[in-house]
Amino acid sequence: MKGWRSLMLVYGVLLLLSMVATRFQVIVPTAISGSVAPITRIGVVAADNLRRAYTTVVNERNLAGEVGTLRKQNDVLRQRNELLTREVSRLRQVMQITATQAPNALGIAQVVAVDPSPLLARITLNRGTDDGVRVRMPVTVPGGLVGQVTGVSKNRATVVALVDPESSVGVTLQGNRGGRGLAVGVSPDRLRAQFSRSVPVKVGDVLVTSSLGGVYPVGIRVGTIESILPLGPNDVNRTVIVKPAIDVGVVEDVTILEGL
C-alpha cells in the first residue's frame, strides 16, 4: 500500500511539471514579429541605397574621366583646326600677292620680333638663308609694302620697314598719273616724299612703288598723302607727308618676294 502511494506521488509530480512546462512555453508574440519586420525592411532598403550610391559615384568618376579625355581631344582638334585655318590664310595671301603685286613670291614668313625702339621700325622674320632669303628682298602683305630685308642669318631675317629713317622707296601716283618721287622714313610712323613742283599731288592721293631704285616691283601700295607742306620761295620740289599703308607693329605674316 505504501509503494502504491509513492508511485501515485511521483506520477502527480510529473503531471504537475508537465502542466507547468506547457503553460509557460516561450512563444514569440505576433506584435513583436510585426515590429521587427519594418526594421528588417529598413535595413534592406538602406543597404540597397548604399549600393546604388556607390555605383553612382563610380559611374560619375568614370564619366568625369571620359569628359576630361574628350576635352583634351577637343583641344588638340581645335589647335589643329587653327593651324589649318592659318595655313589656308597664308596660301590665300601668297595667291593674292602673286596675282596683284608680283608673281615671284618666295614664300610666307612669320614676324617673330618687333624692334622696341621708337626711332626704328624693324621686324624679325622666322626665315633665313636656309629658306632662300637674301638681303634686299622686298617684303609685303596684301594691303601694301612692308619694307626690305637688310640682314639675314640661317633661320632669321631682319626687315627695315618703310617708316624707318634708313628706308627709302621710289614712289609714284597710283593710276598712272605720272610724277616719280622718293619717299624716306620719318619716325615714328610716317614717310616724307618729294615730287617735282609740276606734279599735281593732293591730299588723299595713293602712292605706289615706282621703278626708281630698282628694288621693289612697280605698283605696290605704299601709302596715302596725308598733308602737303607749304612751298618755300627757293623750293624746287614739293614735299608731302605720307601715311603708310601698313602698320608693321600689327603685322603677323608677310610674303617675301624674289629680288628684281
Protein backbone atom coordinates (compact mmCIF):
# COMPACT_ATOMS: atom_id res chain seq x y z
CA MET A 1 0.00 0.00 0.00
CA LYS A 2 2.82 2.25 0.85
CA GLY A 3 4.50 1.57 -2.56
CA TRP A 4 1.32 2.41 -4.36
CA ARG A 5 1.18 5.76 -2.65
CA SER A 6 4.74 6.53 -3.61
CA LEU A 7 4.01 5.71 -7.23
CA MET A 8 0.97 7.94 -7.26
CA LEU A 9 3.02 10.79 -5.75
CA VAL A 10 5.69 10.53 -8.45
CA TYR A 11 3.02 10.44 -11.10
CA GLY A 12 1.39 13.56 -9.66
CA VAL A 13 4.71 15.45 -9.54
CA LEU A 14 5.46 14.58 -13.16
CA LEU A 15 1.95 15.62 -14.22
CA LEU A 16 2.36 18.96 -12.46
CA LEU A 17 5.74 19.60 -14.05
CA SER A 18 4.30 18.79 -17.47
CA MET A 19 1.42 21.23 -16.97
CA VAL A 20 3.79 23.99 -15.80
CA ALA A 21 6.14 23.49 -18.74
CA THR A 22 3.27 23.57 -21.19
CA ARG A 23 1.74 26.69 -19.62
CA PHE A 24 4.88 28.78 -19.65
CA GLN A 25 6.38 27.76 -23.06
CA VAL A 26 8.10 30.76 -24.76
CA ILE A 27 6.24 31.76 -27.93
CA VAL A 28 7.25 34.87 -29.96
CA PRO A 29 4.30 37.25 -29.78
CA THR A 30 2.76 38.43 -33.08
CA ALA A 31 3.18 42.07 -32.02
CA ILE A 32 6.93 41.62 -31.63
CA SER A 33 7.18 39.91 -35.04
CA GLY A 34 5.22 42.76 -36.61
CA SER A 35 7.51 45.38 -35.09
CA VAL A 36 10.69 43.58 -36.16
CA ALA A 37 9.60 43.28 -39.83
CA PRO A 38 9.78 47.06 -40.61
CA ILE A 39 13.25 47.24 -39.07
CA THR A 40 14.36 44.42 -41.34
CA ARG A 41 12.91 46.17 -44.39
CA ILE A 42 14.69 49.43 -43.43
CA GLY A 43 17.99 47.59 -43.29
CA VAL A 44 17.42 46.05 -46.71
CA VAL A 45 16.45 49.42 -48.22
CA ALA A 46 19.43 51.15 -46.62
CA ALA A 47 21.80 48.53 -48.00
CA ASP A 48 20.26 48.87 -51.44
CA ASN A 49 20.59 52.67 -51.30
CA LEU A 50 24.24 52.37 -50.29
CA ARG A 51 24.90 50.02 -53.17
CA ARG A 52 23.21 52.38 -55.61
CA ALA A 53 25.09 55.40 -54.20
CA TYR A 54 28.40 53.59 -54.60
CA THR A 55 27.51 52.63 -58.16
CA THR A 56 26.56 56.25 -58.92
CA VAL A 57 29.85 57.56 -57.51
CA VAL A 58 31.84 55.07 -59.59
CA ASN A 59 29.87 55.92 -62.74
CA GLU A 60 30.30 59.67 -62.17
CA ARG A 61 34.03 59.19 -61.66
CA ASN A 62 34.29 57.21 -64.90
CA LEU A 63 32.16 59.81 -66.69
CA ALA A 64 34.39 62.64 -65.39
CA GLY A 65 37.41 60.79 -66.74
CA GLU A 66 35.78 60.36 -70.14
CA VAL A 67 34.80 64.05 -70.20
CA GLY A 68 38.39 65.05 -69.40
CA THR A 69 39.70 62.84 -72.20
CA LEU A 70 37.18 64.29 -74.66
CA ARG A 71 38.14 67.83 -73.66
CA LYS A 72 41.81 67.11 -74.30
CA GLN A 73 40.96 65.61 -77.68
CA ASN A 74 38.80 68.64 -78.46
CA ASP A 75 41.66 71.00 -77.57
CA VAL A 76 44.00 69.11 -79.87
CA LEU A 77 41.48 69.21 -82.71
CA ARG A 78 40.87 72.92 -82.15
CA GLN A 79 44.60 73.64 -82.30
CA ARG A 80 44.91 71.63 -85.50
CA ASN A 81 41.97 73.50 -86.96
CA GLU A 82 43.56 76.83 -86.05
CA LEU A 83 46.81 75.76 -87.71
CA LEU A 84 44.99 74.64 -90.84
CA THR A 85 42.98 77.87 -90.93
CA ARG A 86 46.18 79.89 -90.63
CA GLU A 87 47.88 77.89 -93.37
CA VAL A 88 44.89 78.44 -95.67
CA SER A 89 45.06 82.17 -94.89
CA ARG A 90 48.77 82.20 -95.75
CA LEU A 91 48.21 80.41 -99.03
CA ARG A 92 45.47 82.87 -99.92
CA GLN A 93 47.83 85.73 -99.10
CA VAL A 94 50.50 84.36 -101.42
CA MET A 95 47.95 83.82 -104.19
CA GLN A 96 46.60 87.35 -103.78
CA ILE A 97 50.06 88.89 -103.82
CA THR A 98 51.19 86.91 -106.86
CA ALA A 99 48.03 88.00 -108.66
CA THR A 100 48.09 91.69 -107.70
CA GLN A 101 51.67 92.68 -106.81
CA ALA A 102 54.35 90.35 -108.14
CA PRO A 103 54.45 86.78 -109.46
CA ASN A 104 57.83 85.98 -107.92
CA ALA A 105 56.86 85.28 -104.29
CA LEU A 106 59.46 83.28 -102.37
CA GLY A 107 57.05 82.32 -99.59
CA ILE A 108 55.41 83.27 -96.32
CA ALA A 109 57.31 84.26 -93.16
CA GLN A 110 56.11 84.93 -89.66
CA VAL A 111 57.02 88.03 -87.68
CA VAL A 112 58.74 86.80 -84.51
CA ALA A 113 60.02 90.11 -83.11
CA VAL A 114 59.47 93.85 -83.44
CA ASP A 115 62.20 96.37 -82.59
CA PRO A 116 61.07 98.20 -79.42
CA SER A 117 62.92 101.40 -80.30
CA PRO A 118 60.54 104.29 -81.14
CA LEU A 119 63.17 105.65 -83.55
CA LEU A 120 63.44 102.48 -85.63
CA ALA A 121 60.92 100.34 -87.50
CA ARG A 122 62.37 96.88 -87.89
CA ILE A 123 60.97 93.39 -87.60
CA THR A 124 62.49 89.92 -87.43
CA LEU A 125 61.18 87.02 -89.52
CA ASN A 126 61.48 83.28 -88.92
CA ARG A 127 63.05 82.63 -92.32
CA GLY A 128 66.70 82.89 -93.38
CA THR A 129 69.31 81.72 -95.83
CA ASP A 130 68.22 78.10 -95.35
CA ASP A 131 64.88 79.17 -96.87
CA GLY A 132 66.44 81.12 -99.75
CA VAL A 133 66.11 84.57 -98.16
CA ARG A 134 68.70 87.14 -99.25
CA VAL A 135 69.46 90.77 -98.50
CA ARG A 136 67.40 93.40 -100.41
CA MET A 137 64.44 91.09 -100.96
CA PRO A 138 61.14 93.03 -100.79
CA VAL A 139 58.67 92.14 -98.03
CA THR A 140 54.96 92.78 -98.48
CA VAL A 141 51.40 91.91 -97.47
CA PRO A 142 48.16 92.15 -99.46
CA GLY A 143 47.49 95.63 -98.05
CA GLY A 144 50.77 97.10 -99.20
CA LEU A 145 54.55 97.18 -99.00
CA VAL A 146 56.28 96.47 -95.66
CA GLY A 147 59.95 97.03 -96.46
CA GLN A 148 63.03 95.06 -97.48
CA VAL A 149 65.42 92.52 -95.97
CA THR A 150 68.61 94.15 -94.72
CA GLY A 151 70.14 91.34 -92.68
CA VAL A 152 69.87 87.57 -92.78
CA SER A 153 71.14 84.51 -90.91
CA LYS A 154 70.43 80.79 -91.34
CA ASN A 155 66.88 80.97 -89.95
CA ARG A 156 66.22 84.67 -89.28
CA ALA A 157 65.89 87.81 -91.37
CA THR A 158 65.78 91.48 -90.38
CA VAL A 159 63.43 93.74 -92.29
CA VAL A 160 63.66 97.54 -92.34
CA ALA A 161 60.14 98.92 -92.70
CA LEU A 162 59.29 101.88 -94.91
CA VAL A 163 58.91 104.27 -91.97
CA ASP A 164 62.41 103.53 -90.66
CA PRO A 165 64.74 106.57 -91.03
CA GLU A 166 67.16 104.42 -93.06
CA SER A 167 64.49 103.37 -95.55
CA SER A 168 63.80 104.89 -98.96
CA VAL A 169 61.48 103.85 -101.78
CA GLY A 170 60.68 105.22 -105.21
CA VAL A 171 57.01 106.23 -105.46
CA THR A 172 54.52 107.49 -107.99
CA LEU A 173 50.86 108.44 -108.02
CA GLN A 174 48.50 105.50 -108.41
CA GLY A 175 46.57 105.34 -111.66
CA ASN A 176 49.45 106.22 -114.00
CA ARG A 177 49.12 109.92 -113.23
CA GLY A 178 52.86 110.42 -113.67
CA GLY A 179 55.37 112.09 -111.42
CA ARG A 180 58.01 109.96 -109.78
CA GLY A 181 59.31 110.83 -106.36
CA LEU A 182 61.35 109.43 -103.48
CA ALA A 183 59.90 108.66 -100.07
CA VAL A 184 62.02 108.25 -96.92
CA GLY A 185 61.04 107.08 -93.46
CA VAL A 186 60.24 109.59 -90.72
CA SER A 187 59.99 108.47 -87.10
CA PRO A 188 57.84 107.23 -85.63
CA ASP A 189 55.29 106.20 -88.26
CA ARG A 190 55.27 108.40 -91.38
CA LEU A 191 57.12 108.90 -94.68
CA ARG A 192 58.22 112.12 -96.36
CA ALA A 193 58.09 112.14 -100.15
CA GLN A 194 59.28 114.75 -102.62
CA PHE A 195 57.88 115.39 -106.08
CA SER A 196 58.58 117.93 -108.77
CA ARG A 197 56.55 121.11 -108.35
CA SER A 198 54.78 120.27 -111.59
CA VAL A 199 53.28 117.03 -110.22
CA PRO A 200 49.61 117.65 -109.26
CA VAL A 201 49.64 115.97 -105.85
CA LYS A 202 46.77 116.42 -103.42
CA VAL A 203 45.75 115.12 -100.01
CA GLY A 204 44.26 111.64 -100.28
CA ASP A 205 46.31 110.57 -103.29
CA VAL A 206 47.58 107.00 -103.09
CA LEU A 207 51.27 106.39 -103.69
CA VAL A 208 52.62 103.15 -105.13
CA THR A 209 56.12 101.88 -105.82
CA SER A 210 57.90 103.06 -108.95
CA SER A 211 60.90 101.70 -110.82
CA LEU A 212 63.17 104.24 -109.10
CA GLY A 213 65.88 102.40 -107.17
CA GLY A 214 65.30 99.04 -108.83
CA VAL A 215 64.50 97.20 -105.57
CA TYR A 216 60.71 96.89 -105.47
CA PRO A 217 58.24 95.67 -108.09
CA VAL A 218 56.23 98.50 -109.62
CA GLY A 219 52.70 99.27 -108.42
CA ILE A 220 52.71 98.04 -104.81
CA ARG A 221 50.76 100.31 -102.48
CA VAL A 222 52.99 102.45 -100.23
CA GLY A 223 50.59 104.84 -98.52
CA THR A 224 48.32 107.87 -98.77
CA ILE A 225 49.25 111.55 -98.88
CA GLU A 226 48.20 112.96 -95.52
CA SER A 227 49.39 116.55 -95.89
CA ILE A 228 51.32 118.82 -98.27
CA LEU A 229 53.96 121.12 -96.83
CA PRO A 230 53.96 124.76 -97.97
CA LEU A 231 56.37 125.64 -100.75
CA GLY A 232 59.24 127.95 -99.93
CA PRO A 233 60.45 130.58 -102.39
CA ASN A 234 63.53 128.54 -103.21
CA ASP A 235 61.98 125.07 -103.13
CA VAL A 236 62.43 123.03 -106.27
CA ASN A 237 60.42 120.05 -105.10
CA ARG A 238 57.09 119.71 -103.34
CA THR A 239 57.20 117.78 -100.04
CA VAL A 240 54.31 115.66 -98.79
CA ILE A 241 53.74 113.63 -95.63
CA VAL A 242 52.57 110.08 -96.27
CA LYS A 243 50.66 107.77 -94.00
CA PRO A 244 51.92 104.22 -94.71
CA ALA A 245 49.51 101.59 -95.91
CA ILE A 246 50.84 99.07 -93.39
CA ASP A 247 51.39 99.33 -89.64
CA VAL A 248 54.33 96.99 -89.06
CA GLY A 249 53.51 96.80 -85.37
CA VAL A 250 50.46 94.62 -86.01
CA VAL A 251 51.68 92.52 -88.94
CA GLU A 252 51.89 88.76 -88.23
CA ASP A 253 52.62 87.10 -91.57
CA VAL A 254 54.42 88.62 -94.54
CA THR A 255 55.31 87.49 -98.03
CA ILE A 256 58.93 87.64 -99.16
CA LEU A 257 59.43 88.44 -102.84
CA GLU A 258 62.33 87.41 -105.02
CA GLY A 259 64.65 90.32 -105.79
CA LEU A 260 64.43 92.09 -109.12
